[in-house]
C-alpha atoms as a PDB file:
ATOM      1  CA  GLY A   1      83.485 -34.042 -59.710  1.00  0.00           C
ATOM      2  CA  PRO A   2      86.981 -34.184 -61.161  1.00  0.00           C
ATOM      3  CA  SER A   3      87.250 -34.595 -64.934  1.00  0.00           C
ATOM      4  CA  CYS A   4      91.042 -34.877 -65.365  1.00  0.00           C
ATOM      5  CA  TRP A   5      94.243 -35.473 -63.392  1.00  0.00           C
ATOM      6  CA  GLU A   6      94.805 -31.739 -62.997  1.00  0.00           C
ATOM      7  CA  ASP A   7      91.513 -31.459 -61.093  1.00  0.00           C
ATOM      8  CA  VAL A   8      92.889 -33.917 -58.539  1.00  0.00           C
ATOM      9  CA  LEU A   9      96.571 -32.976 -58.445  1.00  0.00           C
ATOM     10  CA  ILE A  10      96.485 -29.153 -58.447  1.00  0.00           C
ATOM     11  CA  PRO A  11      95.602 -27.693 -55.021  1.00  0.00           C
ATOM     12  CA  ASN A  12      92.443 -25.553 -54.854  1.00  0.00           C
ATOM     13  CA  ARG A  13      91.454 -26.480 -58.424  1.00  0.00           C
ATOM     14  CA  MET A  14      88.070 -27.962 -57.445  1.00  0.00           C
ATOM     15  CA  SER A  15      85.534 -25.868 -55.593  1.00  0.00           C
ATOM     16  CA  GLY A  16      82.610 -27.094 -53.589  1.00  0.00           C
ATOM     17  CA  GLU A  17      80.561 -26.597 -50.475  1.00  0.00           C
ATOM     18  CA  CYS A  18      81.439 -28.390 -47.235  1.00  0.00           C
ATOM     19  CA  GLN A  19      78.532 -30.418 -45.833  1.00  0.00           C
ATOM     20  CA  PHE A  20      79.564 -29.947 -42.178  1.00  0.00           C
ATOM     21  CA  SER A  21      77.552 -27.266 -40.423  1.00  0.00           C
ATOM     22  CA  ASN A  22      79.297 -23.925 -39.890  1.00  0.00           C
ATOM     23  CA  CYS A  23      82.274 -24.864 -42.074  1.00  0.00           C
ATOM     24  CA  PRO A  24      83.308 -22.128 -44.535  1.00  0.00           C
ATOM     25  CA  GLY A  25      85.392 -24.531 -46.690  1.00  0.00           C
ATOM     26  CA  THR A  26      84.958 -24.096 -50.456  1.00  0.00           C
ATOM     27  CA  THR A  27      87.763 -26.211 -51.981  1.00  0.00           C
ATOM     28  CA  ALA A  28      88.197 -29.967 -52.315  1.00  0.00           C
ATOM     29  CA  GLU A  29      91.323 -31.920 -51.387  1.00  0.00           C
ATOM     30  CA  PHE A  30      91.890 -35.439 -52.730  1.00  0.00           C
ATOM     31  CA  PHE A  31      93.656 -38.389 -51.091  1.00  0.00           C
ATOM     32  CA  PHE A  32      94.446 -41.740 -52.692  1.00  0.00           C
ATOM     33  CA  LYS A  33      94.514 -45.022 -50.827  1.00  0.00           C
ATOM     34  CA  CYS A  34      95.137 -48.596 -51.872  1.00  0.00           C
ATOM     35  CA  GLY A  35      91.907 -50.562 -52.011  1.00  0.00           C
ATOM     36  CA  ALA A  36      93.691 -53.911 -51.606  1.00  0.00           C
ATOM     37  CA  HIS A  37      94.577 -53.553 -47.924  1.00  0.00           C
ATOM     38  CA  PRO A  38      93.170 -51.744 -44.900  1.00  0.00           C
ATOM     39  CA  THR A  39      94.640 -48.339 -44.110  1.00  0.00           C
ATOM     40  CA  SER A  40      94.114 -45.745 -41.430  1.00  0.00           C
ATOM     41  CA  ASP A  41      92.624 -42.310 -42.054  1.00  0.00           C
ATOM     42  CA  LYS A  42      96.095 -40.793 -41.651  1.00  0.00           C
ATOM     43  CA  GLU A  43      97.665 -42.723 -44.565  1.00  0.00           C
ATOM     44  CA  THR A  44      97.745 -41.249 -48.076  1.00  0.00           C
ATOM     45  CA  SER A  45      99.224 -42.349 -51.383  1.00  0.00           C
ATOM     46  CA  VAL A  46     100.387 -40.536 -54.475  1.00  0.00           C
ATOM     47  CA  ALA A  47      98.404 -40.531 -57.694  1.00  0.00           C
ATOM     48  CA  LEU A  48      99.971 -43.047 -60.040  1.00  0.00           C
ATOM     49  CA  ASN A  49      99.540 -41.078 -63.233  1.00  0.00           C
ATOM     50  CA  LEU A  50     102.130 -43.186 -65.098  1.00  0.00           C
ATOM     51  CA  ILE A  51      99.853 -46.227 -64.831  1.00  0.00           C
ATOM     52  CA  THR A  52      97.062 -46.266 -67.377  1.00  0.00           C
ATOM     53  CA  THR A  53      94.773 -48.563 -69.328  1.00  0.00           C
ATOM     54  CA  ASN A  54      96.292 -49.967 -72.501  1.00  0.00           C
ATOM     55  CA  SER A  55      93.500 -48.824 -74.809  1.00  0.00           C
ATOM     56  CA  ARG A  56      95.822 -48.763 -77.848  1.00  0.00           C
ATOM     57  CA  GLY A  57      96.980 -52.369 -77.362  1.00  0.00           C
ATOM     58  CA  ILE A  58     100.701 -51.562 -77.129  1.00  0.00           C
ATOM     59  CA  THR A  59     103.036 -54.471 -76.396  1.00  0.00           C
ATOM     60  CA  CYS A  60     105.134 -54.581 -73.245  1.00  0.00           C
ATOM     61  CA  ILE A  61     108.738 -53.612 -74.018  1.00  0.00           C
ATOM     62  CA  THR A  62     109.963 -56.580 -71.947  1.00  0.00           C
ATOM     63  CA  CYS A  63     107.663 -59.582 -72.518  1.00  0.00           C
ATOM     64  CA  THR A  64     105.879 -58.317 -75.694  1.00  0.00           C
ATOM     65  CA  ASP A  65     102.453 -59.293 -74.287  1.00  0.00           C
ATOM     66  CA  ILE A  66      99.534 -56.913 -74.666  1.00  0.00           C
ATOM     67  CA  ARG A  67      98.215 -56.282 -71.162  1.00  0.00           C
ATOM     68  CA  SER A  68      96.245 -53.689 -69.270  1.00  0.00           C
ATOM     69  CA  PRO A  69      96.898 -51.681 -67.187  1.00  0.00           C
ATOM     70  CA  VAL A  70     100.451 -50.683 -68.079  1.00  0.00           C
ATOM     71  CA  LEU A  71     103.085 -48.222 -66.921  1.00  0.00           C
ATOM     72  CA  VAL A  72     104.199 -45.619 -69.467  1.00  0.00           C
ATOM     73  CA  PHE A  73     107.721 -44.326 -68.849  1.00  0.00           C
ATOM     74  CA  GLN A  74     108.343 -40.593 -69.203  1.00  0.00           C
ATOM     75  CA  CYS A  75     111.182 -41.143 -71.682  1.00  0.00           C
ATOM     76  CA  ASN A  76     111.116 -39.588 -75.170  1.00  0.00           C
ATOM     77  CA  ASN A  77     109.899 -42.884 -76.668  1.00  0.00           C
ATOM     78  CA  ARG A  78     107.125 -43.327 -74.048  1.00  0.00           C
ATOM     79  CA  HIS A  79     108.016 -47.008 -73.574  1.00  0.00           C
ATOM     80  CA  VAL A  80     105.260 -49.216 -72.161  1.00  0.00           C
ATOM     81  CA  ILE A  81     105.761 -52.030 -69.641  1.00  0.00           C
ATOM     82  CA  CYS A  82     103.148 -54.342 -68.105  1.00  0.00           C
ATOM     83  CA  LEU A  83     102.831 -54.238 -64.331  1.00  0.00           C
ATOM     84  CA  ASP A  84     104.190 -57.783 -63.858  1.00  0.00           C
ATOM     85  CA  CYS A  85     107.368 -56.914 -65.762  1.00  0.00           C
ATOM     86  CA  PHE A  86     107.626 -53.566 -63.993  1.00  0.00           C
ATOM     87  CA  HIS A  87     107.464 -55.334 -60.629  1.00  0.00           C
ATOM     88  CA  LEU A  88     110.293 -57.679 -61.666  1.00  0.00           C
ATOM     89  CA  TYR A  89     112.290 -54.724 -63.002  1.00  0.00           C
ATOM     90  CA  CYS A  90     111.899 -52.868 -59.690  1.00  0.00           C
ATOM     91  CA  VAL A  91     112.840 -55.885 -57.558  1.00  0.00           C
ATOM     92  CA  THR A  92     115.880 -56.647 -59.726  1.00  0.00           C
ATOM     93  CA  ARG A  93     117.117 -53.050 -59.656  1.00  0.00           C
ATOM     94  CA  LEU A  94     116.484 -52.829 -55.910  1.00  0.00           C
ATOM     95  CA  ASN A  95     118.420 -56.048 -55.230  1.00  0.00           C
ATOM     96  CA  ASP A  96     121.280 -54.752 -57.391  1.00  0.00           C
ATOM     97  CA  ARG A  97     121.145 -51.375 -55.596  1.00  0.00           C
ATOM     98  CA  GLN A  98     120.529 -49.563 -58.867  1.00  0.00           C
ATOM     99  CA  PHE A  99     117.830 -47.113 -57.853  1.00  0.00           C
ATOM    100  CA  ILE A 100     118.812 -43.526 -58.675  1.00  0.00           C
ATOM    101  CA  HIS A 101     118.408 -40.739 -56.129  1.00  0.00           C
ATOM    102  CA  ASP A 102     116.908 -37.587 -57.597  1.00  0.00           C
ATOM    103  CA  PRO A 103     116.913 -34.552 -55.247  1.00  0.00           C
ATOM    104  CA  GLU A 104     113.380 -33.565 -56.320  1.00  0.00           C
ATOM    105  CA  LEU A 105     111.734 -36.965 -56.897  1.00  0.00           C
ATOM    106  CA  GLY A 106     113.518 -39.159 -54.376  1.00  0.00           C
ATOM    107  CA  TYR A 107     114.519 -42.657 -55.443  1.00  0.00           C
ATOM    108  CA  SER A 108     113.600 -43.552 -58.994  1.00  0.00           C
ATOM    109  CA  LEU A 109     114.423 -45.834 -61.908  1.00  0.00           C
ATOM    110  CA  PRO A 110     115.353 -45.013 -65.489  1.00  0.00           C
ATOM    111  CA  CYS A 111     113.204 -46.239 -68.362  1.00  0.00           C
ATOM    112  CA  VAL A 112     113.651 -49.968 -68.856  1.00  0.00           C
ATOM    113  CA  GLY A 113     114.350 -49.184 -72.525  1.00  0.00           C
ATOM    114  CA  ASP A 114     117.522 -47.368 -71.481  1.00  0.00           C
ATOM    115  CA  THR A 115     118.819 -50.618 -69.994  1.00  0.00           C
ATOM    116  CA  LEU A 116     117.985 -52.765 -73.046  1.00  0.00           C
ATOM    117  CA  TYR A 117     119.754 -50.826 -75.775  1.00  0.00           C
END
C-alpha cells in the first residue's frame, strides 16, 4: 500500500495487479471522499495535505489552543491554525470577498499570519 503522500498524489507511482478477470491494469489510482456524508461513485475530493496531526503540540496562531488536527500554512513561517479557527477565517474572508484568485490554484487565502502583522 501507499507509504507517503507521493505514493497517492503522483500518477502511476503505485503498481499492482487488477483483480478483475482479463484486465491488464498494473497501476493504482487513488480517490478521496468525505466520510461524514454520503457521496456517489462519481464524486472525488482532493488530498488535504495541509491538514495534519499536531504531534509537536504547536499552538494555534489565532486562539493559542493546542489542538489536533491542524492546518499548516505554506508560508515561510509554517504558521499553524486549528480547524475551528480556520473555518472562521474562511467564512470571514468569504463574507468580505477577500479570497484571492490564483490562475493555477483557483481561489485561495493567504496565511492568517499575513493578516495579523
